[in-house]
């Protein structure tokens, strides 16, 4: 039986309003957990300039995902997002 490690946890993290971190969360939480989101699709919604240089754009999205994961990890010792080759998904 699979037990969701998040099922009994409520976690609040501080993210400054109007930031790219907030934008990323708004995009990701429109989709169900486990749905893989390509970095470029997310970048297009956050800031189309991120698509001008795919290498740095992908890195920027990875940096956002990682920064949020670090905040979550500091409180739970778990990651909320999992990065794949060129995309990521939400665990719960």
Protein backbone atom coordinates (compact mmCIF):
# COMPACT_ATOMS: atom_id res chain seq x y z
CA UNK A 1 0.00 0.00 0.00
CA UNK A 2 1.38 3.37 -1.01
CA UNK A 3 1.10 6.06 1.61
CA UNK A 4 1.46 9.67 0.60
CA UNK A 5 4.25 11.08 2.78
CA UNK A 6 2.54 14.48 2.59
CA UNK A 7 -0.93 13.32 3.63
CA UNK A 8 -0.71 14.51 7.22
CA UNK A 9 1.43 17.60 6.72
CA UNK A 10 0.44 21.18 6.25
CA UNK A 11 3.40 23.35 5.31
CA UNK A 12 3.52 27.09 4.92
CA UNK A 13 6.53 28.76 3.34
CA UNK A 14 7.26 32.42 2.76
CA UNK A 15 7.34 33.55 -0.86
CA UNK A 16 7.26 37.24 -1.69
CA UNK A 17 4.20 38.21 -3.71
CA UNK A 18 4.74 39.21 -7.31
CA UNK A 19 7.86 37.06 -7.72
CA UNK A 20 8.67 34.39 -10.25
CA UNK A 21 8.43 31.84 -7.43
CA UNK A 22 4.78 32.78 -6.93
CA UNK A 23 4.18 32.63 -10.68
CA UNK A 24 5.73 29.16 -10.86
CA UNK A 25 3.55 27.92 -7.98
CA UNK A 26 0.41 29.34 -9.60
CA UNK A 27 1.21 27.52 -12.83
CA UNK A 28 2.11 24.23 -11.18
CA UNK A 29 -0.89 24.10 -8.85
CA UNK A 30 -3.27 24.43 -11.81
CA UNK A 31 -2.23 20.86 -12.65
CA UNK A 32 -2.62 17.63 -10.74
CA UNK A 33 0.36 16.14 -8.91
CA UNK A 34 2.54 13.98 -11.12
CA UNK A 35 1.78 15.96 -14.28
CA UNK A 36 5.12 16.77 -15.90
CA UNK A 37 5.54 20.38 -16.96
CA UNK A 38 8.14 21.28 -19.55
CA UNK A 39 10.44 24.11 -18.51
CA UNK A 40 9.71 26.08 -21.70
CA UNK A 41 5.94 25.96 -21.23
CA UNK A 42 6.37 27.31 -17.70
CA UNK A 43 8.91 29.90 -18.88
CA UNK A 44 6.51 31.13 -21.54
CA UNK A 45 3.93 31.90 -18.86
CA UNK A 46 6.41 33.47 -16.44
CA UNK A 47 8.46 35.58 -18.85
CA UNK A 48 8.83 34.97 -22.59
CA UNK A 49 12.34 36.47 -22.44
CA UNK A 50 13.42 33.23 -20.74
CA UNK A 51 12.90 31.51 -24.11
CA UNK A 52 15.45 33.76 -25.87
CA UNK A 53 18.33 31.67 -24.55
CA UNK A 54 17.13 28.11 -23.90
CA UNK A 55 20.15 27.15 -21.79
CA UNK A 56 19.81 30.05 -19.37
CA UNK A 57 15.99 29.90 -19.51
CA UNK A 58 16.00 26.25 -18.48
CA UNK A 59 18.50 27.09 -15.73
CA UNK A 60 16.26 29.92 -14.49
CA UNK A 61 13.27 27.59 -14.17
CA UNK A 62 15.44 24.96 -12.46
CA UNK A 63 16.66 27.65 -10.05
CA UNK A 64 13.06 28.57 -9.18
CA UNK A 65 12.09 24.94 -8.64
CA UNK A 66 15.18 24.37 -6.51
CA UNK A 67 14.64 27.52 -4.41
CA UNK A 68 11.10 26.45 -3.56
CA UNK A 69 12.26 22.91 -2.83
CA UNK A 70 14.89 24.30 -0.45
CA UNK A 71 12.21 26.21 1.48
CA UNK A 72 10.01 23.11 1.68
CA UNK A 73 12.95 20.86 2.55
CA UNK A 74 13.95 23.15 5.41
CA UNK A 75 10.61 22.39 7.09
CA UNK A 76 9.93 18.82 5.98
CA UNK A 77 13.18 17.23 4.77
CA UNK A 78 11.26 16.43 1.55
CA UNK A 79 11.11 17.92 -1.94
CA UNK A 80 7.81 19.08 -3.39
CA UNK A 81 9.06 19.12 -6.98
CA UNK A 82 11.03 16.52 -8.91
CA UNK A 83 13.15 17.70 -11.84
CA UNK A 84 13.48 15.42 -14.87
CA UNK A 85 15.66 16.05 -17.93
CA UNK A 86 13.85 19.17 -19.18
CA UNK A 87 10.74 19.27 -17.06
CA UNK A 88 9.47 18.82 -13.53
CA UNK A 89 6.41 17.66 -11.64
CA UNK A 90 4.79 18.18 -8.25
CA UNK A 91 4.80 15.27 -5.81
CA UNK A 92 1.46 16.12 -4.19
